[in-house]
């Protein structure tokens, strides 16, 4: 099998996909967001494998047949623990690429010294994540479950409105059908900003980007996270929260590839914070 062909595997007991050659480069570990699993990073795994990177995406508990059912009772700390096990199984510290909730998990892992570099895509902040006005009709019906920590799943209409607003209309029902329940505890932690990150302990190179039309993580929150890391925020016009598959995602991936290229030879300088 060609090394660039995606293969299904299991890492630390978690379902995963991976592709690309093993080399001197650090591996890329993609960390998925809420309501989804590792398969949503398939186009990105393929893209970076074809450019010489070993690319890996793995699921966490509550997905892909792993209990607890519907992620019931899980917390963000549980997801951090799951990803730590995956990193340990990889046998080396990876470059972390996190989307949405996965970006918040990646920030905590970087704080723990488990990231060679950090790429945050539409990342949830280590602060309160308030609902934007356009998102209130989607969030309000779920609030009783969020407040009591019960599993949640957005409606098809709500998902299209707040997460898939830059996706082709015909793709939205397909993507919604792939969603899985998320822990209400996890979403409660994000909304109220109770999960904290010590940014003073993150010293790896970082890239922070988001969509200018994101209705979940507002551009100002992308800018807040970037400022905490002392790097510029990159906001992409005509993109929203599901930047992973929106038309034109390859251009974003190419810019990430440019950021990663100096790291391919192990030339990883510490993060330099602005004064």
Protein backbone atom coordinates (compact mmCIF):
# COMPACT_ATOMS: atom_id res chain seq x y z
CA UNK A 1 0.00 0.00 0.00
CA UNK A 2 1.19 3.48 -0.85
CA UNK A 3 2.27 5.30 2.33
CA UNK A 4 0.05 8.20 1.28
CA UNK A 5 -3.06 6.02 1.22
CA UNK A 6 -5.26 6.46 4.27
CA UNK A 7 -5.53 3.40 6.45
CA UNK A 8 -7.76 2.73 9.40
CA UNK A 9 -6.01 1.81 12.61
CA UNK A 10 -6.34 1.84 16.37
CA UNK A 11 -4.12 3.99 18.58
CA UNK A 12 -4.22 3.43 22.34
CA UNK A 13 -7.55 1.69 21.80
CA UNK A 14 -9.08 4.61 19.90
CA UNK A 15 -10.20 4.29 16.27
CA UNK A 16 -7.96 6.33 13.99
CA UNK A 17 -6.97 7.03 10.42
CA UNK A 18 -3.45 7.78 9.30
CA UNK A 19 -1.35 8.24 6.19
CA UNK A 20 2.06 9.47 5.14
CA UNK A 21 5.64 8.35 5.63
CA UNK A 22 7.42 8.00 8.93
CA UNK A 23 10.37 10.37 8.78
CA UNK A 24 12.43 12.88 10.70
CA UNK A 25 9.45 15.21 10.71
CA UNK A 26 7.24 15.24 13.79
CA UNK A 27 3.85 13.67 13.11
CA UNK A 28 0.70 15.75 12.73
CA UNK A 29 -2.08 14.84 15.15
CA UNK A 30 -5.52 16.21 14.28
CA UNK A 31 -7.82 16.78 17.26
CA UNK A 32 -11.52 16.85 16.39
CA UNK A 33 -14.27 19.02 17.80
CA UNK A 34 -17.65 18.48 19.46
CA UNK A 35 -20.34 16.22 17.95
CA UNK A 36 -17.91 14.67 15.45
CA UNK A 37 -15.09 12.14 15.30
CA UNK A 38 -11.79 11.56 13.58
CA UNK A 39 -13.25 10.78 10.14
CA UNK A 40 -14.06 14.44 9.53
CA UNK A 41 -10.33 15.11 9.17
CA UNK A 42 -9.97 12.59 6.33
CA UNK A 43 -9.39 15.24 3.60
CA UNK A 44 -6.74 16.92 5.78
CA UNK A 45 -4.95 13.66 6.56
CA UNK A 46 -4.77 12.94 2.84
CA UNK A 47 -3.68 16.49 1.97
CA UNK A 48 -0.75 16.57 4.38
CA UNK A 49 0.32 12.95 3.76
CA UNK A 50 0.73 13.81 0.08
CA UNK A 51 3.11 16.58 1.16
CA UNK A 52 5.40 14.35 3.16
CA UNK A 53 3.86 14.45 6.63
CA UNK A 54 2.77 11.52 8.73
CA UNK A 55 -0.80 12.60 9.50
CA UNK A 56 -2.98 10.99 12.16
CA UNK A 57 -6.53 11.63 13.35
CA UNK A 58 -8.03 9.68 16.25
CA UNK A 59 -11.37 9.59 18.02
CA UNK A 60 -12.06 9.94 21.73
CA UNK A 61 -14.49 8.34 24.16
CA UNK A 62 -18.16 8.60 23.31
CA UNK A 63 -17.53 8.04 19.59
CA UNK A 64 -17.02 5.22 17.13
CA UNK A 65 -18.51 2.57 19.40
CA UNK A 66 -16.51 3.63 22.45
CA UNK A 67 -18.50 4.22 25.64
CA UNK A 68 -19.96 5.88 27.47
CA UNK A 69 -23.02 5.98 25.25
CA UNK A 70 -23.65 9.44 23.83
CA UNK A 71 -20.57 10.73 25.68
CA UNK A 72 -22.67 10.83 28.83
CA UNK A 73 -20.89 12.40 31.80
CA UNK A 74 -17.61 13.13 30.05
CA UNK A 75 -15.63 16.32 30.64
CA UNK A 76 -12.99 18.20 28.67
CA UNK A 77 -10.39 16.81 31.08
CA UNK A 78 -11.46 13.30 30.02
CA UNK A 79 -10.85 14.24 26.39
CA UNK A 80 -7.43 15.63 27.31
CA UNK A 81 -6.60 12.33 29.03
CA UNK A 82 -7.71 10.38 25.94
CA UNK A 83 -5.51 12.49 23.69
CA UNK A 84 -2.54 12.13 26.06
CA UNK A 85 -2.86 8.36 25.69
CA UNK A 86 -2.85 8.73 21.91
CA UNK A 87 0.27 10.92 22.04
CA UNK A 88 2.01 8.42 24.30
CA UNK A 89 1.17 5.65 21.84
CA UNK A 90 2.61 7.67 18.96
CA UNK A 91 5.94 7.59 20.78
CA UNK A 92 6.87 11.21 20.06
CA UNK A 93 5.49 14.67 20.67
CA UNK A 94 3.40 15.70 17.65
CA UNK A 95 2.36 18.92 16.01
CA UNK A 96 -1.25 19.43 17.13
CA UNK A 97 -3.92 20.69 14.74
CA UNK A 98 -7.17 21.21 16.61
CA UNK A 99 -10.58 22.29 15.36
CA UNK A 100 -13.22 23.91 17.58
CA UNK A 101 -13.33 22.00 20.90
CA UNK A 102 -10.28 20.13 19.60
CA UNK A 103 -8.42 23.45 19.58
CA UNK A 104 -9.15 23.97 23.28
CA UNK A 105 -7.93 20.45 24.02
CA UNK A 106 -4.80 21.16 21.98
CA UNK A 107 -4.13 24.32 23.99
CA UNK A 108 -4.17 22.33 27.24
CA UNK A 109 -1.87 19.70 25.73
CA UNK A 110 0.54 22.44 24.65
CA UNK A 111 0.48 23.78 28.22
CA UNK A 112 1.49 20.27 29.34
CA UNK A 113 4.45 20.26 26.94
CA UNK A 114 2.84 17.78 24.53
CA UNK A 115 2.96 19.86 21.35
CA UNK A 116 5.90 20.57 19.04
CA UNK A 117 3.72 23.25 17.46
CA UNK A 118 0.10 24.31 17.66
CA UNK A 119 -2.41 25.06 14.89
CA UNK A 120 -5.84 26.21 16.09
CA UNK A 121 -8.71 26.20 13.59
CA UNK A 122 -11.89 28.00 14.75
CA UNK A 123 -10.80 27.04 18.25
CA UNK A 124 -12.99 27.33 21.30
CA UNK A 125 -11.31 29.80 23.68
CA UNK A 126 -10.08 29.06 27.19
CA UNK A 127 -12.74 31.57 28.25
CA UNK A 128 -16.50 31.99 28.02
CA UNK A 129 -18.07 31.00 24.71
CA UNK A 130 -21.28 33.06 24.53
CA UNK A 131 -23.95 32.31 21.95
CA UNK A 132 -24.17 34.82 19.14
CA UNK A 133 -27.69 36.21 18.53
CA UNK A 134 -28.11 34.17 15.34
CA UNK A 135 -27.31 31.00 17.32
CA UNK A 136 -29.76 31.52 20.19
CA UNK A 137 -32.66 29.63 18.54
CA UNK A 138 -30.35 26.62 18.23
CA UNK A 139 -28.86 26.75 21.72
CA UNK A 140 -31.93 27.63 23.78
CA UNK A 141 -33.74 24.28 23.27
CA UNK A 142 -30.55 22.48 24.37
CA UNK A 143 -29.88 24.65 27.43
CA UNK A 144 -31.76 22.51 29.99
CA UNK A 145 -29.63 19.51 29.00
CA UNK A 146 -26.45 21.58 28.90
CA UNK A 147 -27.11 22.99 32.37
CA UNK A 148 -27.81 19.53 33.80
CA UNK A 149 -24.95 17.89 31.91
CA UNK A 150 -27.05 15.54 29.78
CA UNK A 151 -26.07 14.54 26.22
CA UNK A 152 -27.03 16.97 23.46
CA UNK A 153 -27.37 16.99 19.69
CA UNK A 154 -28.33 20.03 17.59
CA UNK A 155 -31.20 19.83 15.14
CA UNK A 156 -30.53 19.64 11.42
CA UNK A 157 -31.79 23.19 10.97
CA UNK A 158 -29.73 24.46 13.88
CA UNK A 159 -26.59 22.73 12.64
CA UNK A 160 -27.01 24.24 9.19
CA UNK A 161 -27.63 27.70 10.63
CA UNK A 162 -24.70 27.96 13.03
CA UNK A 163 -22.06 25.47 11.88
CA UNK A 164 -22.60 24.83 8.17
CA UNK A 165 -23.59 28.31 6.98
CA UNK A 166 -20.80 28.34 4.37
CA UNK A 167 -21.34 24.76 3.18
CA UNK A 168 -23.24 23.85 0.00
CA UNK A 169 -26.90 23.21 0.87
CA UNK A 170 -26.83 19.64 -0.41
CA UNK A 171 -23.97 18.73 1.95
CA UNK A 172 -25.70 19.86 5.13
CA UNK A 173 -28.11 16.90 5.64
CA UNK A 174 -25.26 14.46 5.00
CA UNK A 175 -23.01 16.12 7.58
CA UNK A 176 -25.78 16.38 10.17
CA UNK A 177 -26.52 12.66 9.80
CA UNK A 178 -22.90 11.96 10.76
CA UNK A 179 -23.06 13.88 14.04
CA UNK A 180 -22.95 12.10 17.39
CA UNK A 181 -24.25 13.22 20.77
CA UNK A 182 -21.93 15.39 22.82
CA UNK A 183 -21.58 15.55 26.58
CA UNK A 184 -23.64 18.34 28.07
CA UNK A 185 -20.93 18.72 30.71
CA UNK A 186 -18.37 19.46 28.01
CA UNK A 187 -20.57 22.09 26.40
CA UNK A 188 -21.33 23.63 29.80
CA UNK A 189 -17.60 23.96 30.46
CA UNK A 190 -17.13 25.72 27.13
CA UNK A 191 -20.06 28.10 27.51
CA UNK A 192 -19.08 29.19 31.02
CA UNK A 193 -15.33 29.14 30.39
CA UNK A 194 -14.60 26.91 33.38
CA UNK A 195 -11.86 24.95 31.60
CA UNK A 196 -8.69 27.00 31.91
CA UNK A 197 -5.33 27.08 30.11
CA UNK A 198 -2.12 28.58 31.48
CA UNK A 199 -0.82 30.39 28.42
CA UNK A 200 2.41 31.32 30.17
CA UNK A 201 3.44 27.65 29.91
CA UNK A 202 2.93 27.41 26.14
CA UNK A 203 6.20 28.08 24.34
CA UNK A 204 5.83 26.20 21.05
CA UNK A 205 5.20 27.88 17.68
CA UNK A 206 1.51 28.63 17.18
CA UNK A 207 -0.87 29.55 14.40
CA UNK A 208 -4.43 30.72 15.13
CA UNK A 209 -7.05 31.01 12.43
CA UNK A 210 -10.80 31.21 12.01
CA UNK A 211 -13.68 32.09 9.72
CA UNK A 212 -14.95 35.64 9.48
CA UNK A 213 -18.52 34.25 9.29
CA UNK A 214 -18.19 31.75 12.15
CA UNK A 215 -21.44 31.69 14.15
CA UNK A 216 -20.07 29.49 16.94
CA UNK A 217 -16.62 30.90 17.68
CA UNK A 218 -16.88 34.61 16.90
CA UNK A 219 -13.89 36.24 15.19
CA UNK A 220 -13.21 38.33 18.31
CA UNK A 221 -12.68 35.10 20.27
CA UNK A 222 -10.21 33.86 17.66
CA UNK A 223 -8.39 37.16 18.10
CA UNK A 224 -8.50 36.77 21.90
CA UNK A 225 -6.82 33.36 21.75
CA UNK A 226 -4.21 34.63 19.28
CA UNK A 227 -3.43 37.57 21.57
CA UNK A 228 -2.99 35.22 24.52
CA UNK A 229 -0.42 33.31 22.48
CA UNK A 230 1.20 36.48 21.17
CA UNK A 231 0.62 35.66 17.50
CA UNK A 232 -1.56 37.28 14.81
CA UNK A 233 -5.03 35.93 14.14
CA UNK A 234 -5.80 34.88 10.58
CA UNK A 235 -9.48 35.37 9.71
CA UNK A 236 -10.67 34.01 6.38
CA UNK A 237 -13.37 35.85 4.47
CA UNK A 238 -16.19 33.65 3.11
CA UNK A 239 -15.42 30.95 5.69
CA UNK A 240 -17.28 29.92 8.81
CA UNK A 241 -17.03 27.22 11.49
CA UNK A 242 -16.89 24.14 9.25
CA UNK A 243 -13.75 25.40 7.60
CA UNK A 244 -12.55 21.79 7.39
CA UNK A 245 -14.68 21.10 4.30
CA UNK A 246 -16.01 24.44 3.11
CA UNK A 247 -15.22 25.31 -0.51
CA UNK A 248 -11.71 26.68 -0.59
CA UNK A 249 -10.44 24.81 2.48
CA UNK A 250 -7.37 23.76 0.51
CA UNK A 251 -6.11 27.35 0.45
CA UNK A 252 -6.24 27.42 4.24
CA UNK A 253 -4.48 24.07 4.43
CA UNK A 254 -1.77 25.40 2.11
CA UNK A 255 -1.14 28.35 4.42
CA UNK A 256 -0.91 25.99 7.37
CA UNK A 257 1.55 23.94 5.33
CA UNK A 258 3.65 27.06 4.83
CA UNK A 259 3.68 27.67 8.56
CA UNK A 260 4.70 24.05 9.20
CA UNK A 261 7.42 23.85 6.55
CA UNK A 262 10.27 25.23 8.72
CA UNK A 263 9.33 22.61 11.29
CA UNK A 264 9.81 19.79 8.79
CA UNK A 265 13.56 19.79 9.42
CA UNK A 266 13.18 20.06 13.17
CA UNK A 267 13.83 23.81 13.10
CA UNK A 268 11.38 24.65 15.87
CA UNK A 269 12.01 27.97 17.58
CA UNK A 270 10.20 28.85 20.81
CA UNK A 271 7.09 30.96 20.63
CA UNK A 272 7.94 34.64 20.87
CA UNK A 273 5.23 36.61 22.59
CA UNK A 274 4.51 40.21 21.77
CA UNK A 275 5.29 42.66 24.56
